[in-house]
Structure formats: structure tokens, C-alpha cells
């Protein structure tokens, strides 16, 4: 597994044997059973090692804190373990164990053989549209399981998506995930997440995020896999965050003409600034992506995953842009036509009633003349 949030085209191997001072290294044993081999990767707060589980004789991945003794980082690492352990899905990395060694906390996870989506893009360039939709649907299904468990990942990037040799997909690194109301610890004043894949509400520092922030980030990942670049790029991370907040993303077809229109529509809807205009949940996005390459299965009807920390459901969104306007116009015209038809029926009914009344009056007048 990889513990880094790589960017497409990142140079250098995923393996590195440089160990920060004070941390256990190759040959050391943590937890009395996990023998460290070599470093698989590192993030801002941790280093991930390939290790051997002596008791069960299997390879595992061990994540160790870089800053030993920081209570906040220890709490965040434990949050990650709790978040991942709460999810039961083959597309989410499995947590086996957690503990402390001296001043360092650690988490033991399944070792996932394969390469990150980031490295695949860097190695091969943009992926074929059908492969992009397949990967996207698999990730969306894994996120749906996380959201049902009340977990919002909050850092879905190409570096956190592992492509296994058998074609399956695994989502990793729940290091800043939010599990319910008490977890998801962050540093005050910091925007948490990776700027290139950051939902607008995350960039604003919203106190409560639901799973639709993960959908936006996944759309950024798929945009990158399809075109070779994220929707917004700049050397200044703050400028990228501002672009997510204010700018309209380019159409994928403007960067790659062979993008299927259906796939472009799904990506642009999921990149909507307003969460209410994105797919209603991860399961709906997975269904939309599957349908792009031939799976007609519709999104679930009458169900919705509840956002973490928020027990309210959200109405299904309208698609953004010209497509949404056309759909809304068609709906409005249909309503007008229905209203006009009902009005015509009412007018015909009133006319018939007037004719009956007129006939009765005429008969009354004739009868009066005959009598007098």
C-alpha cells in the first residue's frame, strides 16, 4: 500500500529507505510481532513500512507517526484506525491492529499490492475512458460503504487509490477522515485536504462536511485520469483553492476530444460548486458511471446515505450547465402544457353548463307565451 498523496507524474520510486531520526527502521519489531522491512511511502505525519507479521506469517503495512510524542497526531492516527475499521468493504483497506511503541503510535493494515492511480497516470499518461469509468465506479462504491458507516474520507486523491494487479481497486489513507461528531481532528486555522482535489466547501473551511465532498474530490481524480491534469492547476496552492471556489472547470472534451458526452456530463455535474447539485450520494454516482460504459442499472430509488454528522436527507440535485437548464425547461413546459389542458377542460365544462342554462331559459320563455 502507499502512504503518500502523490501527484500525477511525481518523480522517483514509491519505495524509499530514508527513516526519520528516532523512528523504528528496517529490522525493528513493533508491537512484539511486526518486523519492519522497508519504507513504502510517507505523508505529512507518518511513514508507511512494508512489514512481516511473525504470528500469522503474512505481509502487512505499518504506519508509524513521524512526530513522536505529539498528542494531536496520536489522536489523529487513532481516528484513522477507527474510521477504516468501521468500514466493511473489499474496496477499503483493512485495519488489523493499533498501538504505541515508546513515543510513537502505529497502525497495522493489509498490504495492498499494486500501484497508485497517480503512478499509473505518471507511467502511462491519460487512461482510456472505459477504464476511468470502471475505476471511478469502484471507488464510488467503496466511498458509499464508508459514508454508510458515517465516515467521510476528506482526502480522496490519485495517491490514495490503489489499482491491484487483478483489476480491483482499494481506497487507502483515512488519515484525515471524519467518523461521527467526535473524530476528524484538525489543526485550527488550516484547510485540511489536498488542494488539487479539494471540494469548495472544504476550501471554505466548513465545519460539517458530508460525503458529497468526497464525490467532488473523486471527480477531480477522474478528470485527471482522463485528461492528464486536474481541473485547476497553479504553482500556488491557495490559488488552486480559490479556483475550486470560484472558477468553472474546463470541459474534459476541450482537453481530450474523444471523451464520451455521458462521462463528461457526469464529471461536470459532480464538480458543481453547490453540493446539492452533485449526485445525491456515492451509490448514485457509481450507478451513473457504470451506465456510461453500458451498465443500465439505475441509481437506488428511495434511499440515501446519511451524511456524517447530519441526519437530514438532501433532495436529488439538478444537473448544472446547459443540460440542467434543458431538463428544467422541458419539465416546466410539460407543467404548462398540463395546466393549459386542465384549463381547457374547465372552459369546456363551463360552456356546456351555460348552454344548458340558456336552453332552460328559452323553454321557460316559450311556456310563458303559450300560457298567456
Protein backbone atom coordinates (compact mmCIF):
# COMPACT_ATOMS: atom_id res chain seq x y z
CA UNK A 1 0.00 0.00 0.00
CA UNK A 2 1.07 3.57 -0.42
CA UNK A 3 1.03 6.15 2.37
CA UNK A 4 1.72 9.17 0.23
CA UNK A 5 -0.61 11.58 -1.53
CA UNK A 6 1.27 11.55 -4.82
CA UNK A 7 0.56 13.82 -7.76
CA UNK A 8 0.49 12.53 -11.33
CA UNK A 9 3.96 12.44 -12.81
CA UNK A 10 5.70 12.54 -9.43
CA UNK A 11 9.32 11.55 -9.92
CA UNK A 12 11.15 8.83 -8.04
CA UNK A 13 10.21 5.36 -6.84
CA UNK A 14 7.43 4.76 -4.34
CA UNK A 15 9.87 2.88 -2.13
CA UNK A 16 12.37 4.85 -0.08
CA UNK A 17 14.57 3.63 2.78
CA UNK A 18 15.23 7.00 4.43
CA UNK A 19 13.99 6.77 8.03
CA UNK A 20 13.40 9.94 10.08
CA UNK A 21 15.56 10.08 13.19
CA UNK A 22 14.01 8.45 16.25
CA UNK A 23 11.62 6.16 14.38
CA UNK A 24 11.89 2.37 14.20
CA UNK A 25 13.52 1.23 10.97
CA UNK A 26 14.21 -1.89 8.90
CA UNK A 27 14.70 -4.92 11.12
CA UNK A 28 12.96 -3.39 14.14
CA UNK A 29 9.86 -5.07 15.58
CA UNK A 30 6.81 -3.09 16.72
CA UNK A 31 4.02 -4.49 18.82
CA UNK A 32 6.08 -7.58 19.54
CA UNK A 33 5.21 -9.16 16.17
CA UNK A 34 5.52 -6.78 13.18
CA UNK A 35 9.04 -6.82 11.71
CA UNK A 36 9.67 -3.73 9.57
CA UNK A 37 11.20 -4.32 6.13
CA UNK A 38 11.39 -1.15 4.02
CA UNK A 39 9.57 2.15 3.58
CA UNK A 40 6.69 2.15 1.11
CA UNK A 41 5.99 5.88 1.33
CA UNK A 42 5.36 8.78 3.64
CA UNK A 43 2.91 11.58 4.26
CA UNK A 44 2.99 14.72 6.34
CA UNK A 45 2.51 12.98 9.67
CA UNK A 46 3.53 9.35 9.08
CA UNK A 47 5.74 6.83 7.34
CA UNK A 48 4.40 3.55 5.94
CA UNK A 49 6.54 0.40 6.02
CA UNK A 50 6.20 -2.99 4.47
CA UNK A 51 6.41 -5.39 7.42
CA UNK A 52 6.15 -9.09 8.22
CA UNK A 53 3.58 -10.31 10.72
CA UNK A 54 5.53 -13.00 12.60
CA UNK A 55 2.48 -14.57 14.21
CA UNK A 56 0.38 -15.00 11.08
CA UNK A 57 3.28 -15.17 8.60
CA UNK A 58 1.92 -12.58 6.20
CA UNK A 59 2.97 -9.21 4.76
CA UNK A 60 1.32 -6.14 6.28
CA UNK A 61 1.68 -2.37 6.06
CA UNK A 62 2.62 -0.50 9.25
CA UNK A 63 2.03 3.24 9.51
CA UNK A 64 4.25 5.00 12.08
CA UNK A 65 3.97 8.58 13.27
CA UNK A 66 6.79 10.86 12.13
CA UNK A 67 6.49 13.31 15.04
CA UNK A 68 6.80 11.06 18.04
CA UNK A 69 5.11 12.36 21.16
CA UNK A 70 2.63 14.80 19.54
CA UNK A 71 -0.70 14.04 21.31
CA UNK A 72 -2.70 15.56 18.45
CA UNK A 73 -1.03 13.36 15.84
CA UNK A 74 -1.51 10.28 18.03
CA UNK A 75 -5.21 11.10 18.31
CA UNK A 76 -5.49 11.61 14.54
CA UNK A 77 -3.78 8.30 13.83
CA UNK A 78 -6.17 6.52 16.16
CA UNK A 79 -9.06 8.30 14.43
CA UNK A 80 -7.80 6.89 11.13
CA UNK A 81 -7.71 3.37 12.55
CA UNK A 82 -11.24 3.73 13.94
CA UNK A 83 -12.53 5.22 10.68
CA UNK A 84 -11.12 2.47 8.46
CA UNK A 85 -12.10 -0.29 10.92
CA UNK A 86 -15.72 0.94 10.84
CA UNK A 87 -16.00 0.15 7.10
CA UNK A 88 -16.65 -3.35 5.83
CA UNK A 89 -15.92 -3.33 2.10
CA UNK A 90 -13.30 -5.03 -0.09
CA UNK A 91 -12.52 -1.67 -1.67
CA UNK A 92 -11.39 -0.13 1.64
CA UNK A 93 -8.05 -1.05 3.22
CA UNK A 94 -8.46 -3.33 6.26
CA UNK A 95 -7.08 -2.30 9.68
CA UNK A 96 -5.69 -5.20 11.75
CA UNK A 97 -4.10 -3.64 14.81
CA UNK A 98 -3.03 -0.41 16.51
CA UNK A 99 -0.81 0.52 19.43
CA UNK A 100 2.17 2.53 20.66
CA UNK A 101 5.92 1.87 20.78
CA UNK A 102 7.74 4.26 23.09
CA UNK A 103 6.51 7.69 21.99
CA UNK A 104 5.36 6.50 18.57
CA UNK A 105 1.85 5.32 17.64
CA UNK A 106 1.30 2.83 14.85
CA UNK A 107 -1.48 1.24 12.81
CA UNK A 108 -1.23 -2.13 11.04
CA UNK A 109 -3.17 -2.51 7.79
CA UNK A 110 -3.42 -5.03 4.98
CA UNK A 111 -0.61 -4.79 2.49
CA UNK A 112 -2.24 -3.93 -0.84
CA UNK A 113 -0.13 -4.97 -3.80
CA UNK A 114 -0.42 -2.71 -6.81
CA UNK A 115 0.24 0.86 -7.87
CA UNK A 116 -1.47 4.11 -7.11
CA UNK A 117 -3.66 5.79 -9.68
CA UNK A 118 -1.18 8.69 -9.51
CA UNK A 119 1.69 6.43 -10.53
CA UNK A 120 -0.36 4.78 -13.26
CA UNK A 121 -1.14 8.19 -14.80
CA UNK A 122 2.51 9.20 -14.49
CA UNK A 123 3.62 5.95 -16.13
CA UNK A 124 1.10 5.64 -18.97
CA UNK A 125 -0.44 9.08 -19.37
CA UNK A 126 -4.23 9.56 -19.55
CA UNK A 127 -6.31 6.40 -19.23
CA UNK A 128 -8.95 5.14 -21.65
CA UNK A 129 -12.45 6.48 -20.83
CA UNK A 130 -13.83 2.99 -20.10
CA UNK A 131 -11.01 2.35 -17.62
CA UNK A 132 -11.65 5.71 -15.97
CA UNK A 133 -15.35 4.94 -15.51
CA UNK A 134 -14.56 1.45 -14.16
CA UNK A 135 -12.12 2.81 -11.58
CA UNK A 136 -14.46 5.65 -10.70
CA UNK A 137 -17.42 3.33 -10.11
CA UNK A 138 -15.29 1.05 -7.90
CA UNK A 139 -14.05 3.98 -5.80
CA UNK A 140 -17.58 5.40 -5.52
CA UNK A 141 -18.85 2.04 -4.26
CA UNK A 142 -16.09 1.95 -1.61
CA UNK A 143 -16.95 5.51 -0.58
CA UNK A 144 -20.63 4.55 -0.38
CA UNK A 145 -19.70 1.92 2.21
CA UNK A 146 -17.64 4.49 4.12
CA UNK A 147 -20.47 7.03 4.09
CA UNK A 148 -22.97 4.42 5.30
CA UNK A 149 -20.62 3.85 8.24
CA UNK A 150 -20.64 7.60 8.94
CA UNK A 151 -17.09 8.14 7.62
CA UNK A 152 -16.15 10.98 5.24
CA UNK A 153 -12.67 10.43 3.75
CA UNK A 154 -11.93 14.14 3.05
CA UNK A 155 -8.71 13.43 1.11
CA UNK A 156 -9.58 11.35 -1.96
CA UNK A 157 -6.61 11.74 -4.33
CA UNK A 158 -4.96 9.63 -7.06
CA UNK A 159 -2.27 8.78 -4.49
CA UNK A 160 -4.88 7.22 -2.19
CA UNK A 161 -6.42 4.96 -4.84
CA UNK A 162 -4.60 1.64 -5.32
CA UNK A 163 -5.02 -0.35 -8.55
CA UNK A 164 -4.37 -4.02 -7.87
CA UNK A 165 -2.97 -6.46 -10.48
CA UNK A 166 -6.32 -8.30 -10.63
CA UNK A 167 -8.09 -5.09 -11.64
CA UNK A 168 -9.74 -4.40 -8.29
CA UNK A 169 -9.47 -1.01 -6.62
CA UNK A 170 -8.75 -0.14 -2.97
CA UNK A 171 -9.14 3.23 -1.24
CA UNK A 172 -6.50 3.94 1.41
CA UNK A 173 -5.28 6.64 3.82
CA UNK A 174 -8.17 7.72 6.01
CA UNK A 175 -5.70 9.95 7.89
CA UNK A 176 -7.99 13.00 7.99
CA UNK A 177 -11.30 11.16 7.78
CA UNK A 178 -14.20 12.21 9.97
CA UNK A 179 -16.01 9.50 11.91
CA UNK A 180 -19.14 10.91 13.54
CA UNK A 181 -19.05 14.15 15.53
CA UNK A 182 -16.10 13.42 17.83
CA UNK A 183 -13.42 12.44 15.36
CA UNK A 184 -11.70 14.00 12.37
CA UNK A 185 -9.39 16.16 14.48
CA UNK A 186 -7.76 19.02 12.59
CA UNK A 187 -5.39 21.86 13.33
CA UNK A 188 -7.20 25.14 13.94
CA UNK A 189 -6.86 27.61 11.07
CA UNK A 190 -5.76 25.03 8.48
CA UNK A 191 -7.61 23.86 5.39
CA UNK A 192 -7.47 20.07 5.57
CA UNK A 193 -7.08 18.15 2.32
CA UNK A 194 -5.05 18.20 -0.90
CA UNK A 195 -5.66 21.47 -2.83
CA UNK A 196 -5.79 19.90 -6.31
CA UNK A 197 -8.69 17.67 -5.23
CA UNK A 198 -10.40 19.86 -2.64
CA UNK A 199 -14.17 20.41 -2.61
CA UNK A 200 -15.24 24.09 -2.45
CA UNK A 201 -16.94 23.64 0.93
CA UNK A 202 -13.71 22.13 2.24
CA UNK A 203 -11.75 25.09 0.92
CA UNK A 204 -14.08 27.42 2.82
CA UNK A 205 -13.29 25.52 6.00
CA UNK A 206 -16.86 24.32 6.53
CA UNK A 207 -17.32 22.84 9.99
CA UNK A 208 -19.54 20.00 8.74
CA UNK A 209 -18.82 18.06 5.57
CA UNK A 210 -20.81 15.18 4.15
CA UNK A 211 -19.97 12.53 1.60
CA UNK A 212 -20.59 14.83 -1.36
CA UNK A 213 -17.20 16.47 -0.63
CA UNK A 214 -15.64 13.06 -1.38
CA UNK A 215 -17.61 12.85 -4.63
CA UNK A 216 -16.19 16.20 -5.77
CA UNK A 217 -12.67 15.00 -4.97
CA UNK A 218 -13.27 11.75 -6.86
CA UNK A 219 -14.48 13.73 -9.88
CA UNK A 220 -11.20 15.69 -9.77
CA UNK A 221 -9.30 12.38 -9.71
CA UNK A 222 -11.23 11.02 -12.68
CA UNK A 223 -10.81 14.31 -14.58
CA UNK A 224 -7.04 13.91 -14.00
CA UNK A 225 -7.04 10.28 -15.12
CA UNK A 226 -8.97 11.20 -18.27
CA UNK A 227 -7.08 14.33 -19.34
CA UNK A 228 -3.69 14.04 -17.61
CA UNK A 229 -4.24 17.14 -15.45
CA UNK A 230 -6.54 18.18 -12.59
CA UNK A 231 -9.41 20.61 -13.27
CA UNK A 232 -7.48 23.51 -11.70
CA UNK A 233 -3.71 23.91 -11.55
CA UNK A 234 -1.40 26.62 -10.27
CA UNK A 235 2.00 26.79 -8.60
CA UNK A 236 0.32 28.50 -5.64
CA UNK A 237 -1.88 26.06 -3.64
CA UNK A 238 -4.01 28.96 -2.39
CA UNK A 239 -4.79 29.96 -5.98
CA UNK A 240 -5.95 26.40 -6.64
CA UNK A 241 -8.27 26.52 -3.62
CA UNK A 242 -9.71 29.84 -4.83
CA UNK A 243 -10.26 28.33 -8.30
CA UNK A 244 -12.27 25.49 -6.76
CA UNK A 245 -14.38 28.13 -5.04
CA UNK A 246 -14.93 30.49 -7.98
CA UNK A 247 -13.94 29.18 -11.40
CA UNK A 248 -15.79 26.96 -13.84
CA UNK A 249 -13.81 23.80 -14.65
CA UNK A 250 -12.91 23.24 -18.31
CA UNK A 251 -14.90 20.67 -20.22
CA UNK A 252 -12.87 17.44 -20.42
CA UNK A 253 -13.66 17.29 -24.15
CA UNK A 254 -11.84 20.61 -24.62
CA UNK A 255 -8.67 18.82 -23.45
CA UNK A 256 -9.45 15.43 -25.00
CA UNK A 257 -11.95 15.33 -27.87
CA UNK A 258 -12.79 11.62 -27.57
CA UNK A 259 -14.34 11.95 -24.08
CA UNK A 260 -17.83 10.38 -24.17
CA UNK A 261 -20.51 13.07 -23.68
CA UNK A 262 -22.21 10.99 -20.98
CA UNK A 263 -18.98 10.77 -18.98
CA UNK A 264 -18.37 14.49 -19.39
CA UNK A 265 -21.86 15.25 -18.11
CA UNK A 266 -21.34 13.08 -15.01
CA UNK A 267 -17.98 14.70 -14.21
CA UNK A 268 -19.24 18.27 -14.67
CA UNK A 269 -22.28 17.62 -12.51
CA UNK A 270 -20.12 16.12 -9.77
CA UNK A 271 -17.80 19.15 -9.97
CA UNK A 272 -20.67 21.51 -9.15
CA UNK A 273 -19.78 24.15 -6.54
CA UNK A 274 -23.07 23.56 -4.74
CA UNK A 275 -23.16 20.10 -3.12
CA UNK A 276 -26.92 19.95 -3.72
CA UNK A 277 -26.28 19.93 -7.48
CA UNK A 278 -23.97 16.90 -7.36
CA UNK A 279 -25.18 13.28 -7.40
CA UNK A 280 -27.17 12.71 -4.23
CA UNK A 281 -24.73 10.11 -2.85
CA UNK A 282 -21.84 7.81 -3.78
CA UNK A 283 -24.13 4.95 -4.81
CA UNK A 284 -25.88 7.23 -7.31
CA UNK A 285 -22.53 8.34 -8.74
CA UNK A 286 -21.38 4.72 -9.06
CA UNK A 287 -24.56 3.87 -10.98
CA UNK A 288 -24.13 6.87 -13.30
CA UNK A 289 -20.53 5.87 -14.03
CA UNK A 290 -21.44 2.24 -14.67
CA UNK A 291 -24.16 3.35 -17.08
CA UNK A 292 -21.62 5.32 -19.15
CA UNK A 293 -19.99 2.12 -20.37
CA UNK A 294 -23.08 0.01 -20.77
CA UNK A 295 -24.44 -0.99 -17.35
CA UNK A 296 -28.09 0.14 -17.38
CA UNK A 297 -28.56 -0.33 -13.62
CA UNK A 298 -30.30 2.81 -12.30
CA UNK A 299 -29.42 4.53 -9.02
CA UNK A 300 -31.27 3.20 -5.95
CA UNK A 301 -34.77 4.64 -5.59
CA UNK A 302 -35.97 5.98 -2.26
CA UNK A 303 -32.69 5.56 -0.42
CA UNK A 304 -29.95 7.96 0.53
CA UNK A 305 -26.81 7.66 2.59
CA UNK A 306 -26.88 9.99 5.57
CA UNK A 307 -24.01 12.49 5.66
CA UNK A 308 -21.70 12.05 8.63
CA UNK A 309 -22.83 14.23 11.50
CA UNK A 310 -26.04 15.20 9.69
CA UNK A 311 -29.21 13.17 9.87
CA UNK A 312 -31.08 15.06 7.17
CA UNK A 313 -31.54 13.86 3.62
CA UNK A 314 -30.96 16.07 0.62
CA UNK A 315 -33.22 16.30 -2.41
CA UNK A 316 -31.85 14.91 -5.65
CA UNK A 317 -29.92 17.69 -7.43
CA UNK A 318 -30.42 19.08 -10.89
CA UNK A 319 -27.50 18.79 -13.27
CA UNK A 320 -25.56 22.01 -13.81
CA UNK A 321 -24.99 23.88 -17.03
CA UNK A 322 -26.93 23.71 -20.28
CA UNK A 323 -28.06 20.12 -19.67
CA UNK A 324 -29.72 21.08 -16.38
CA UNK A 325 -31.36 24.12 -17.99
CA UNK A 326 -32.76 21.96 -20.79
CA UNK A 327 -34.10 19.40 -18.34
CA UNK A 328 -35.66 22.12 -16.18
CA UNK A 329 -37.17 23.82 -19.26
CA UNK A 330 -38.63 20.55 -20.50
CA UNK A 331 -40.17 19.97 -17.08
CA UNK A 332 -41.59 23.49 -16.93
CA UNK A 333 -43.08 23.25 -20.43
CA UNK A 334 -44.67 19.92 -19.51
CA UNK A 335 -46.22 21.52 -16.44
CA UNK A 336 -47.53 24.44 -18.53
CA UNK A 337 -48.99 22.05 -21.08
CA UNK A 338 -50.70 20.10 -18.30
CA UNK A 339 -52.04 23.33 -16.80
CA UNK A 340 -53.30 24.50 -20.21
CA UNK A 341 -55.04 21.17 -20.77
CA UNK A 342 -56.75 21.37 -17.38
CA UNK A 343 -57.85 24.95 -18.08
CA UNK A 344 -59.28 23.93 -21.43
CA UNK A 345 -61.24 21.14 -19.76
CA UNK A 346 -62.60 23.64 -17.25
CA UNK A 347 -63.60 26.04 -20.07
CA UNK A 348 -65.39 23.27 -21.97
CA UNK A 349 -67.28 22.26 -18.83
CA UNK A 350 -68.36 25.84 -18.14
CA UNK A 351 -69.52 26.30 -21.75
CA UNK A 352 -71.70 23.20 -21.61
CA UNK A 353 -73.29 24.41 -18.38
CA UNK A 354 -74.10 27.80 -19.96
CA UNK A 355 -75.74 26.11 -22.95
CA UNK A 356 -77.97 24.04 -20.63
CA UNK A 357 -78.98 27.16 -18.70
CA UNK A 358 -79.75 29.05 -21.91
CA UNK A 359 -81.94 26.18 -23.16
CA UNK A 360 -83.85 26.12 -19.88
CA UNK A 361 -84.47 29.86 -20.07
CA UNK A 362 -85.68 29.56 -23.65
CA UNK A 363 -88.08 26.77 -22.74
CA UNK A 364 -89.37 28.87 -19.84
CA UNK A 365 -90.00 31.83 -22.16
CA UNK A 366 -91.88 29.67 -24.69
CA UNK A 367 -94.03 28.14 -21.96
CA UNK A 368 -94.90 31.63 -20.64
CA UNK A 369 -96.04 32.79 -24.11
CA UNK A 370 -98.25 29.72 -24.55
CA UNK A 371 -99.89 30.18 -21.16
CA UNK A 372 -100.66 33.88 -21.60
